[in-house]
Amino acid sequence: MIDYAEKRDFLRMPIDCELTFTVSGSGRQYQGSVINLSSKGILFTSSEKFDPGTSLDIILTPSNSLTPPMQATVVVSRVISNDVLFEVGCEITEIKS
């Protein structure tokens, strides 16, 4: 039997909500859809491709109106392309109030 030990410090929570974001310092706004979120990272889909190291300002808007939007700055860690969208994995560097 193979034992599997989770190596992540923080578990990912699946989340289905919308995301708007800009490349830090630019005014162009993009749309995405969140796949999962942890205390240190986020994975979302986008129709745009971004290079690792790109800084993004994000606003995550939960579908539940009781939960306020989350604003944060993230840095792109990896991008995986599928046929239609890009999966963008980012490290959260700052959560804004």
PDB file of N, CA and C in Angstrom:
ATOM      1  N   MET A   1       0.845  -1.180   0.000  1.00  0.00           N
ATOM      2  CA  MET A   1       0.000   0.000   0.000  1.00  0.00           C
ATOM      3  C   MET A   1       0.888   1.239   0.000  1.00  0.00           C
ATOM      4  N   ILE A   2       0.519   2.199  -0.813  1.00  0.00           N
ATOM      5  CA  ILE A   2       1.273   3.434  -0.909  1.00  0.00           C
ATOM      6  C   ILE A   2       0.624   4.479  -0.004  1.00  0.00           C
ATOM      7  N   ASP A   3       1.426   5.050   0.894  1.00  0.00           N
ATOM      8  CA  ASP A   3       0.930   6.119   1.757  1.00  0.00           C
ATOM      9  C   ASP A   3       1.178   7.451   1.069  1.00  0.00           C
ATOM     10  N   TYR A   4       0.191   8.319   1.155  1.00  0.00           N
ATOM     11  CA  TYR A   4       0.332   9.644   0.564  1.00  0.00           C
ATOM     12  C   TYR A   4       0.275  10.666   1.683  1.00  0.00           C
ATOM     13  N   ALA A   5       1.271  11.496   1.775  1.00  0.00           N
ATOM     14  CA  ALA A   5       1.288  12.569   2.763  1.00  0.00           C
ATOM     15  C   ALA A   5       1.202  13.902   2.024  1.00  0.00           C
ATOM     16  N   GLU A   6       0.251  14.704   2.402  1.00  0.00           N
ATOM     17  CA  GLU A   6       0.102  16.031   1.801  1.00  0.00           C
ATOM     18  C   GLU A   6       1.331  16.867   2.140  1.00  0.00           C
ATOM     19  N   LYS A   7       1.960  17.411   1.136  1.00  0.00           N
ATOM     20  CA  LYS A   7       3.179  18.181   1.345  1.00  0.00           C
ATOM     21  C   LYS A   7       2.928  19.692   1.368  1.00  0.00           C
ATOM     22  N   ARG A   8       1.721  20.101   1.073  1.00  0.00           N
ATOM     23  CA  ARG A   8       1.413  21.527   1.093  1.00  0.00           C
ATOM     24  C   ARG A   8       1.234  22.000   2.532  1.00  0.00           C
ATOM     25  N   ASP A   9       1.673  23.242   2.777  1.00  0.00           N
ATOM     26  CA  ASP A   9       1.466  23.834   4.090  1.00  0.00           C
ATOM     27  C   ASP A   9       0.006  24.211   4.298  1.00  0.00           C
ATOM     28  N   PHE A  10      -0.666  24.611   3.222  1.00  0.00           N
ATOM     29  CA  PHE A  10      -2.047  25.050   3.304  1.00  0.00           C
ATOM     30  C   PHE A  10      -2.851  24.351   2.216  1.00  0.00           C
ATOM     31  N   LEU A  11      -3.968  23.757   2.595  1.00  0.00           N
ATOM     32  CA  LEU A  11      -4.800  23.041   1.635  1.00  0.00           C
ATOM     33  C   LEU A  11      -5.516  24.005   0.704  1.00  0.00           C
ATOM     34  N   ARG A  12      -5.763  23.550  -0.495  1.00  0.00           N
ATOM     35  CA  ARG A  12      -6.514  24.337  -1.472  1.00  0.00           C
ATOM     36  C   ARG A  12      -7.996  24.090  -1.285  1.00  0.00           C
ATOM     37  N   MET A  13      -8.775  25.160  -1.352  1.00  0.00           N
ATOM     38  CA  MET A  13     -10.222  25.060  -1.257  1.00  0.00           C
ATOM     39  C   MET A  13     -10.806  25.322  -2.632  1.00  0.00           C
ATOM     40  N   PRO A  14     -11.596  24.371  -3.159  1.00  0.00           N
ATOM     41  CA  PRO A  14     -12.237  24.630  -4.450  1.00  0.00           C
ATOM     42  C   PRO A  14     -13.238  25.779  -4.301  1.00  0.00           C
ATOM     43  N   ILE A  15     -13.195  26.713  -5.224  1.00  0.00           N
ATOM     44  CA  ILE A  15     -14.087  27.866  -5.198  1.00  0.00           C
ATOM     45  C   ILE A  15     -14.552  28.122  -6.624  1.00  0.00           C
ATOM     46  N   ASP A  16     -15.814  28.431  -6.770  1.00  0.00           N
ATOM     47  CA  ASP A  16     -16.361  28.748  -8.083  1.00  0.00           C
ATOM     48  C   ASP A  16     -16.889  30.177  -8.033  1.00  0.00           C
ATOM     49  N   CYS A  17     -16.054  31.143  -8.399  1.00  0.00           N
ATOM     50  CA  CYS A  17     -16.500  32.531  -8.428  1.00  0.00           C
ATOM     51  C   CYS A  17     -15.711  33.305  -9.472  1.00  0.00           C
ATOM     52  N   GLU A  18     -16.169  34.494  -9.740  1.00  0.00           N
ATOM     53  CA  GLU A  18     -15.561  35.332 -10.762  1.00  0.00           C
ATOM     54  C   GLU A  18     -14.393  36.126 -10.192  1.00  0.00           C
ATOM     55  N   LEU A  19     -13.533  36.544 -11.094  1.00  0.00           N
ATOM     56  CA  LEU A  19     -12.332  37.270 -10.735  1.00  0.00           C
ATOM     57  C   LEU A  19     -12.094  38.350 -11.772  1.00  0.00           C
ATOM     58  N   THR A  20     -11.790  39.558 -11.345  1.00  0.00           N
ATOM     59  CA  THR A  20     -11.329  40.590 -12.255  1.00  0.00           C
ATOM     60  C   THR A  20      -9.903  40.931 -11.838  1.00  0.00           C
ATOM     61  N   PHE A  21      -9.083  41.261 -12.810  1.00  0.00           N
ATOM     62  CA  PHE A  21      -7.695  41.555 -12.479  1.00  0.00           C
ATOM     63  C   PHE A  21      -7.066  42.452 -13.526  1.00  0.00           C
ATOM     64  N   THR A  22      -6.000  43.123 -13.121  1.00  0.00           N
ATOM     65  CA  THR A  22      -5.206  43.956 -14.014  1.00  0.00           C
ATOM     66  C   THR A  22      -3.745  43.605 -13.799  1.00  0.00           C
ATOM     67  N   VAL A  23      -2.947  43.807 -14.813  1.00  0.00           N
ATOM     68  CA  VAL A  23      -1.501  43.728 -14.631  1.00  0.00           C
ATOM     69  C   VAL A  23      -1.143  44.957 -13.808  1.00  0.00           C
ATOM     70  N   SER A  24      -0.394  44.767 -12.725  1.00  0.00           N
ATOM     71  CA  SER A  24      -0.069  45.877 -11.828  1.00  0.00           C
ATOM     72  C   SER A  24       0.513  47.050 -12.610  1.00  0.00           C
ATOM     73  N   GLY A  25      -0.060  48.225 -12.392  1.00  0.00           N
ATOM     74  CA  GLY A  25       0.414  49.424 -13.065  1.00  0.00           C
ATOM     75  C   GLY A  25      -0.258  49.717 -14.396  1.00  0.00           C
ATOM     76  N   SER A  26      -1.106  48.799 -14.873  1.00  0.00           N
ATOM     77  CA  SER A  26      -1.800  49.052 -16.140  1.00  0.00           C
ATOM     78  C   SER A  26      -3.283  49.261 -15.854  1.00  0.00           C
ATOM     79  N   GLY A  27      -3.994  49.757 -16.816  1.00  0.00           N
ATOM     80  CA  GLY A  27      -5.412  50.012 -16.622  1.00  0.00           C
ATOM     81  C   GLY A  27      -6.323  48.978 -17.251  1.00  0.00           C
ATOM     82  N   ARG A  28      -5.761  48.090 -18.062  1.00  0.00           N
ATOM     83  CA  ARG A  28      -6.596  47.110 -18.767  1.00  0.00           C
ATOM     84  C   ARG A  28      -7.088  46.042 -17.809  1.00  0.00           C
ATOM     85  N   GLN A  29      -8.401  45.827 -17.823  1.00  0.00           N
ATOM     86  CA  GLN A  29      -9.008  44.866 -16.908  1.00  0.00           C
ATOM     87  C   GLN A  29      -9.319  43.564 -17.635  1.00  0.00           C
ATOM     88  N   TYR A  30      -9.067  42.448 -16.952  1.00  0.00           N
ATOM     89  CA  TYR A  30      -9.317  41.110 -17.486  1.00  0.00           C
ATOM     90  C   TYR A  30     -10.325  40.404 -16.586  1.00  0.00           C
ATOM     91  N   GLN A  31     -10.937  39.363 -17.123  1.00  0.00           N
ATOM     92  CA  GLN A  31     -11.883  38.544 -16.378  1.00  0.00           C
ATOM     93  C   GLN A  31     -11.339  37.127 -16.270  1.00  0.00           C
ATOM     94  N   GLY A  32     -11.681  36.466 -15.185  1.00  0.00           N
ATOM     95  CA  GLY A  32     -11.285  35.078 -15.007  1.00  0.00           C
ATOM     96  C   GLY A  32     -12.280  34.361 -14.117  1.00  0.00           C
ATOM     97  N   SER A  33     -12.029  33.083 -13.896  1.00  0.00           N
ATOM     98  CA  SER A  33     -12.865  32.264 -13.037  1.00  0.00           C
ATOM     99  C   SER A  33     -11.961  31.484 -12.089  1.00  0.00           C
ATOM    100  N   VAL A  34     -12.218  31.608 -10.792  1.00  0.00           N
ATOM    101  CA  VAL A  34     -11.374  30.972  -9.780  1.00  0.00           C
ATOM    102  C   VAL A  34     -11.645  29.471  -9.741  1.00  0.00           C
ATOM    103  N   ILE A  35     -10.561  28.683  -9.680  1.00  0.00           N
ATOM    104  CA  ILE A  35     -10.663  27.237  -9.537  1.00  0.00           C
ATOM    105  C   ILE A  35     -10.473  26.854  -8.080  1.00  0.00           C
ATOM    106  N   ASN A  36      -9.377  27.363  -7.465  1.00  0.00           N
ATOM    107  CA  ASN A  36      -9.168  27.095  -6.051  1.00  0.00           C
ATOM    108  C   ASN A  36      -8.335  28.187  -5.426  1.00  0.00           C
ATOM    109  N   LEU A  37      -8.341  28.182  -4.080  1.00  0.00           N
ATOM    110  CA  LEU A  37      -7.700  29.228  -3.308  1.00  0.00           C
ATOM    111  C   LEU A  37      -7.109  28.619  -2.050  1.00  0.00           C
ATOM    112  N   SER A  38      -5.927  29.083  -1.664  1.00  0.00           N
ATOM    113  CA  SER A  38      -5.350  28.717  -0.380  1.00  0.00           C
ATOM    114  C   SER A  38      -4.877  29.995   0.285  1.00  0.00           C
ATOM    115  N   SER A  39      -4.288  29.881   1.455  1.00  0.00           N
ATOM    116  CA  SER A  39      -3.856  31.092   2.148  1.00  0.00           C
ATOM    117  C   SER A  39      -2.663  31.750   1.467  1.00  0.00           C
ATOM    118  N   LYS A  40      -1.971  31.027   0.606  1.00  0.00           N
ATOM    119  CA  LYS A  40      -0.797  31.584  -0.060  1.00  0.00           C
ATOM    120  C   LYS A  40      -0.884  31.610  -1.573  1.00  0.00           C
ATOM    121  N   GLY A  41      -1.967  31.079  -2.148  1.00  0.00           N
ATOM    122  CA  GLY A  41      -2.026  31.023  -3.602  1.00  0.00           C
ATOM    123  C   GLY A  41      -3.432  30.943  -4.154  1.00  0.00           C
ATOM    124  N   ILE A  42      -3.521  31.139  -5.458  1.00  0.00           N
ATOM    125  CA  ILE A  42      -4.800  31.082  -6.157  1.00  0.00           C
ATOM    126  C   ILE A  42      -4.559  30.481  -7.544  1.00  0.00           C
ATOM    127  N   LEU A  43      -5.520  29.716  -8.013  1.00  0.00           N
ATOM    128  CA  LEU A  43      -5.496  29.147  -9.361  1.00  0.00           C
ATOM    129  C   LEU A  43      -6.779  29.587 -10.043  1.00  0.00           C
ATOM    130  N   PHE A  44      -6.644  30.200 -11.223  1.00  0.00           N
ATOM    131  CA  PHE A  44      -7.821  30.656 -11.959  1.00  0.00           C
ATOM    132  C   PHE A  44      -7.611  30.465 -13.451  1.00  0.00           C
ATOM    133  N   THR A  45      -8.715  30.559 -14.197  1.00  0.00           N
ATOM    134  CA  THR A  45      -8.638  30.470 -15.649  1.00  0.00           C
ATOM    135  C   THR A  45      -8.731  31.869 -16.242  1.00  0.00           C
ATOM    136  N   SER A  46      -8.091  32.021 -17.390  1.00  0.00           N
ATOM    137  CA  SER A  46      -8.084  33.296 -18.096  1.00  0.00           C
ATOM    138  C   SER A  46      -7.980  33.028 -19.589  1.00  0.00           C
ATOM    139  N   SER A  47      -8.528  33.913 -20.380  1.00  0.00           N
ATOM    140  CA  SER A  47      -8.369  33.796 -21.830  1.00  0.00           C
ATOM    141  C   SER A  47      -7.041  34.400 -22.280  1.00  0.00           C
ATOM    142  N   GLU A  48      -6.362  35.089 -21.369  1.00  0.00           N
ATOM    143  CA  GLU A  48      -5.079  35.719 -21.655  1.00  0.00           C
ATOM    144  C   GLU A  48      -3.946  34.924 -21.011  1.00  0.00           C
ATOM    145  N   LYS A  49      -2.794  34.918 -21.668  1.00  0.00           N
ATOM    146  CA  LYS A  49      -1.613  34.251 -21.135  1.00  0.00           C
ATOM    147  C   LYS A  49      -0.703  35.287 -20.486  1.00  0.00           C
ATOM    148  N   PHE A  50      -0.188  34.969 -19.317  1.00  0.00           N
ATOM    149  CA  PHE A  50       0.733  35.857 -18.603  1.00  0.00           C
ATOM    150  C   PHE A  50       2.010  35.098 -18.294  1.00  0.00           C
ATOM    151  N   ASP A  51       3.130  35.799 -18.350  1.00  0.00           N
ATOM    152  CA  ASP A  51       4.417  35.181 -18.077  1.00  0.00           C
ATOM    153  C   ASP A  51       4.633  35.026 -16.574  1.00  0.00           C
ATOM    154  N   PRO A  52       5.302  33.954 -16.159  1.00  0.00           N
ATOM    155  CA  PRO A  52       5.671  33.828 -14.747  1.00  0.00           C
ATOM    156  C   PRO A  52       6.462  35.071 -14.310  1.00  0.00           C
ATOM    157  N   GLY A  53       6.175  35.520 -13.101  1.00  0.00           N
ATOM    158  CA  GLY A  53       6.807  36.722 -12.569  1.00  0.00           C
ATOM    159  C   GLY A  53       5.971  37.975 -12.744  1.00  0.00           C
ATOM    160  N   THR A  54       4.899  37.892 -13.558  1.00  0.00           N
ATOM    161  CA  THR A  54       4.013  39.043 -13.761  1.00  0.00           C
ATOM    162  C   THR A  54       3.214  39.311 -12.487  1.00  0.00           C
ATOM    163  N   SER A  55       3.162  40.564 -12.083  1.00  0.00           N
ATOM    164  CA  SER A  55       2.393  40.964 -10.903  1.00  0.00           C
ATOM    165  C   SER A  55       0.993  41.384 -11.338  1.00  0.00           C
ATOM    166  N   LEU A  56      -0.021  40.854 -10.665  1.00  0.00           N
ATOM    167  CA  LEU A  56      -1.422  41.153 -10.972  1.00  0.00           C
ATOM    168  C   LEU A  56      -2.124  41.675  -9.734  1.00  0.00           C
ATOM    169  N   ASP A  57      -3.035  42.611  -9.929  1.00  0.00           N
ATOM    170  CA  ASP A  57      -3.936  43.067  -8.871  1.00  0.00           C
ATOM    171  C   ASP A  57      -5.281  42.407  -9.134  1.00  0.00           C
ATOM    172  N   ILE A  58      -5.762  41.617  -8.160  1.00  0.00           N
ATOM    173  CA  ILE A  58      -6.988  40.846  -8.368  1.00  0.00           C
ATOM    174  C   ILE A  58      -8.091  41.307  -7.431  1.00  0.00           C
ATOM    175  N   ILE A  59      -9.324  41.107  -7.882  1.00  0.00           N
ATOM    176  CA  ILE A  59     -10.509  41.271  -7.050  1.00  0.00           C
ATOM    177  C   ILE A  59     -11.351  40.023  -7.240  1.00  0.00           C
ATOM    178  N   LEU A  60     -11.448  39.238  -6.188  1.00  0.00           N
ATOM    179  CA  LEU A  60     -12.221  38.004  -6.193  1.00  0.00           C
ATOM    180  C   LEU A  60     -13.592  38.332  -5.629  1.00  0.00           C
ATOM    181  N   THR A  61     -14.637  38.084  -6.401  1.00  0.00           N
ATOM    182  CA  THR A  61     -15.999  38.421  -5.989  1.00  0.00           C
ATOM    183  C   THR A  61     -16.801  37.151  -5.742  1.00  0.00           C
ATOM    184  N   PRO A  62     -17.025  36.795  -4.457  1.00  0.00           N
ATOM    185  CA  PRO A  62     -17.794  35.583  -4.147  1.00  0.00           C
ATOM    186  C   PRO A  62     -19.227  35.683  -4.658  1.00  0.00           C
ATOM    187  N   SER A  63     -19.809  34.543  -4.974  1.00  0.00           N
ATOM    188  CA  SER A  63     -21.201  34.531  -5.436  1.00  0.00           C
ATOM    189  C   SER A  63     -22.164  34.819  -4.291  1.00  0.00           C
ATOM    190  N   ASN A  64     -21.711  34.589  -3.055  1.00  0.00           N
ATOM    191  CA  ASN A  64     -22.509  34.870  -1.874  1.00  0.00           C
ATOM    192  C   ASN A  64     -22.345  36.347  -1.523  1.00  0.00           C
ATOM    193  N   SER A  65     -23.433  37.109  -1.521  1.00  0.00           N
ATOM    194  CA  SER A  65     -23.343  38.551  -1.269  1.00  0.00           C
ATOM    195  C   SER A  65     -22.994  38.877   0.182  1.00  0.00           C
ATOM    196  N   LEU A  66     -23.041  37.890   1.073  1.00  0.00           N
ATOM    197  CA  LEU A  66     -22.686  38.121   2.476  1.00  0.00           C
ATOM    198  C   LEU A  66     -21.172  38.200   2.673  1.00  0.00           C
ATOM    199  N   THR A  67     -20.417  37.634   1.740  1.00  0.00           N
ATOM    200  CA  THR A  67     -18.957  37.636   1.826  1.00  0.00           C
ATOM    201  C   THR A  67     -18.416  38.785   0.983  1.00  0.00           C
ATOM    202  N   PRO A  68     -17.609  39.667   1.588  1.00  0.00           N
ATOM    203  CA  PRO A  68     -17.086  40.789   0.805  1.00  0.00           C
ATOM    204  C   PRO A  68     -16.033  40.348  -0.205  1.00  0.00           C
ATOM    205  N   PRO A  69     -15.823  41.133  -1.250  1.00  0.00           N
ATOM    206  CA  PRO A  69     -14.785  40.802  -2.227  1.00  0.00           C
ATOM    207  C   PRO A  69     -13.404  40.809  -1.579  1.00  0.00           C
ATOM    208  N   MET A  70     -12.494  40.019  -2.131  1.00  0.00           N
ATOM    209  CA  MET A  70     -11.118  39.994  -1.660  1.00  0.00           C
ATOM    210  C   MET A  70     -10.253  40.686  -2.697  1.00  0.00           C
ATOM    211  N   GLN A  71      -9.450  41.642  -2.262  1.00  0.00           N
ATOM    212  CA  GLN A  71      -8.512  42.326  -3.140  1.00  0.00           C
ATOM    213  C   GLN A  71      -7.105  41.923  -2.723  1.00  0.00           C
ATOM    214  N   ALA A  72      -6.272  41.600  -3.703  1.00  0.00           N
ATOM    215  CA  ALA A  72      -4.923  41.144  -3.396  1.00  0.00           C
ATOM    216  C   ALA A  72      -3.990  41.428  -4.563  1.00  0.00           C
ATOM    217  N   THR A  73      -2.710  41.397  -4.262  1.00  0.00           N
ATOM    218  CA  THR A  73      -1.678  41.419  -5.287  1.00  0.00           C
ATOM    219  C   THR A  73      -1.080  40.028  -5.334  1.00  0.00           C
ATOM    220  N   VAL A  74      -0.924  39.506  -6.542  1.00  0.00           N
ATOM    221  CA  VAL A  74      -0.383  38.158  -6.724  1.00  0.00           C
ATOM    222  C   VAL A  74       0.732  38.201  -7.767  1.00  0.00           C
ATOM    223  N   VAL A  75       1.571  37.177  -7.747  1.00  0.00           N
ATOM    224  CA  VAL A  75       2.619  37.032  -8.753  1.00  0.00           C
ATOM    225  C   VAL A  75       2.401  35.699  -9.453  1.00  0.00           C
ATOM    226  N   VAL A  76       2.374  35.723 -10.779  1.00  0.00           N
ATOM    227  CA  VAL A  76       2.156  34.509 -11.566  1.00  0.00           C
ATOM    228  C   VAL A  76       3.329  33.553 -11.354  1.00  0.00           C
ATOM    229  N   SER A  77       3.006  32.315 -10.959  1.00  0.00           N
ATOM    230  CA  SER A  77       4.017  31.276 -10.756  1.00  0.00           C
ATOM    231  C   SER A  77       4.117  30.341 -11.951  1.00  0.00           C
ATOM    232  N   ARG A  78       2.937  30.015 -12.521  1.00  0.00           N
ATOM    233  CA  ARG A  78       2.918  29.079 -13.645  1.00  0.00           C
ATOM    234  C   ARG A  78       1.671  29.304 -14.467  1.00  0.00           C
ATOM    235  N   VAL A  79       1.757  28.929 -15.733  1.00  0.00           N
ATOM    236  CA  VAL A  79       0.620  29.024 -16.651  1.00  0.00           C
ATOM    237  C   VAL A  79       0.563  27.732 -17.449  1.00  0.00           C
ATOM    238  N   ILE A  80      -0.613  27.100 -17.450  1.00  0.00           N
ATOM    239  CA  ILE A  80      -0.826  25.870 -18.206  1.00  0.00           C
ATOM    240  C   ILE A  80      -1.911  26.145 -19.228  1.00  0.00           C
ATOM    241  N   SER A  81      -1.651  25.807 -20.481  1.00  0.00           N
ATOM    242  CA  SER A  81      -2.609  26.046 -21.554  1.00  0.00           C
ATOM    243  C   SER A  81      -3.434  24.787 -21.805  1.00  0.00           C
ATOM    244  N   ASN A  82      -4.763  24.981 -21.900  1.00  0.00           N
ATOM    245  CA  ASN A  82      -5.589  23.915 -22.456  1.00  0.00           C
ATOM    246  C   ASN A  82      -6.106  24.432 -23.788  1.00  0.00           C
ATOM    247  N   ASP A  83      -7.042  23.792 -24.391  1.00  0.00           N
ATOM    248  CA  ASP A  83      -7.460  24.168 -25.741  1.00  0.00           C
ATOM    249  C   ASP A  83      -8.054  25.570 -25.845  1.00  0.00           C
ATOM    250  N   VAL A  84      -8.736  26.026 -24.789  1.00  0.00           N
ATOM    251  CA  VAL A  84      -9.461  27.282 -24.877  1.00  0.00           C
ATOM    252  C   VAL A  84      -8.929  28.342 -23.904  1.00  0.00           C
ATOM    253  N   LEU A  85      -8.611  27.928 -22.682  1.00  0.00           N
ATOM    254  CA  LEU A  85      -8.221  28.860 -21.633  1.00  0.00           C
ATOM    255  C   LEU A  85      -6.828  28.550 -21.097  1.00  0.00           C
ATOM    256  N   PHE A  86      -6.322  29.465 -20.301  1.00  0.00           N
ATOM    257  CA  PHE A  86      -5.073  29.258 -19.586  1.00  0.00           C
ATOM    258  C   PHE A  86      -5.389  29.111 -18.103  1.00  0.00           C
ATOM    259  N   GLU A  87      -4.753  28.137 -17.450  1.00  0.00           N
ATOM    260  CA  GLU A  87      -4.839  28.026 -16.002  1.00  0.00           C
ATOM    261  C   GLU A  87      -3.645  28.778 -15.434  1.00  0.00           C
ATOM    262  N   VAL A  88      -3.926  29.784 -14.611  1.00  0.00           N
ATOM    263  CA  VAL A  88      -2.897  30.665 -14.080  1.00  0.00           C
ATOM    264  C   VAL A  88      -2.765  30.403 -12.581  1.00  0.00           C
ATOM    265  N   GLY A  89      -1.602  29.925 -12.166  1.00  0.00           N
ATOM    266  CA  GLY A  89      -1.319  29.689 -10.750  1.00  0.00           C
ATOM    267  C   GLY A  89      -0.487  30.842 -10.225  1.00  0.00           C
ATOM    268  N   CYS A  90      -0.918  31.418  -9.107  1.00  0.00           N
ATOM    269  CA  CYS A  90      -0.248  32.603  -8.554  1.00  0.00           C
ATOM    270  C   CYS A  90       0.015  32.459  -7.062  1.00  0.00           C
ATOM    271  N   GLU A  91       1.067  33.135  -6.632  1.00  0.00           N
ATOM    272  CA  GLU A  91       1.364  33.279  -5.207  1.00  0.00           C
ATOM    273  C   GLU A  91       0.776  34.601  -4.737  1.00  0.00           C
ATOM    274  N   ILE A  92       0.050  34.569  -3.623  1.00  0.00           N
ATOM    275  CA  ILE A  92      -0.511  35.793  -3.064  1.00  0.00           C
ATOM    276  C   ILE A  92       0.605  36.495  -2.287  1.00  0.00           C
ATOM    277  N   THR A  93       0.905  37.740  -2.669  1.00  0.00           N
ATOM    278  CA  THR A  93       1.974  38.480  -2.000  1.00  0.00           C
ATOM    279  C   THR A  93       1.420  39.534  -1.030  1.00  0.00           C
ATOM    280  N   GLU A  94       0.180  39.984  -1.259  1.00  0.00           N
ATOM    281  CA  GLU A  94      -0.412  40.983  -0.368  1.00  0.00           C
ATOM    282  C   GLU A  94      -1.932  40.899  -0.460  1.00  0.00           C
ATOM    283  N   ILE A  95      -2.589  40.853   0.698  1.00  0.00           N
ATOM    284  CA  ILE A  95      -4.053  40.958   0.745  1.00  0.00           C
ATOM    285  C   ILE A  95      -4.369  42.361   1.210  1.00  0.00           C
ATOM    286  N   LYS A  96      -5.183  43.046   0.426  1.00  0.00           N
ATOM    287  CA  LYS A  96      -5.517  44.453   0.722  1.00  0.00           C
ATOM    288  C   LYS A  96      -6.820  44.527   1.488  1.00  0.00           C
ATOM    289  N   SER A  97      -6.923  45.540   2.312  1.00  0.00           N
ATOM    290  CA  SER A  97      -8.145  45.691   3.104  1.00  0.00           C
ATOM    291  C   SER A  97      -9.150  46.577   2.421  1.00  0.00           C
TER     292      SER A  97
END
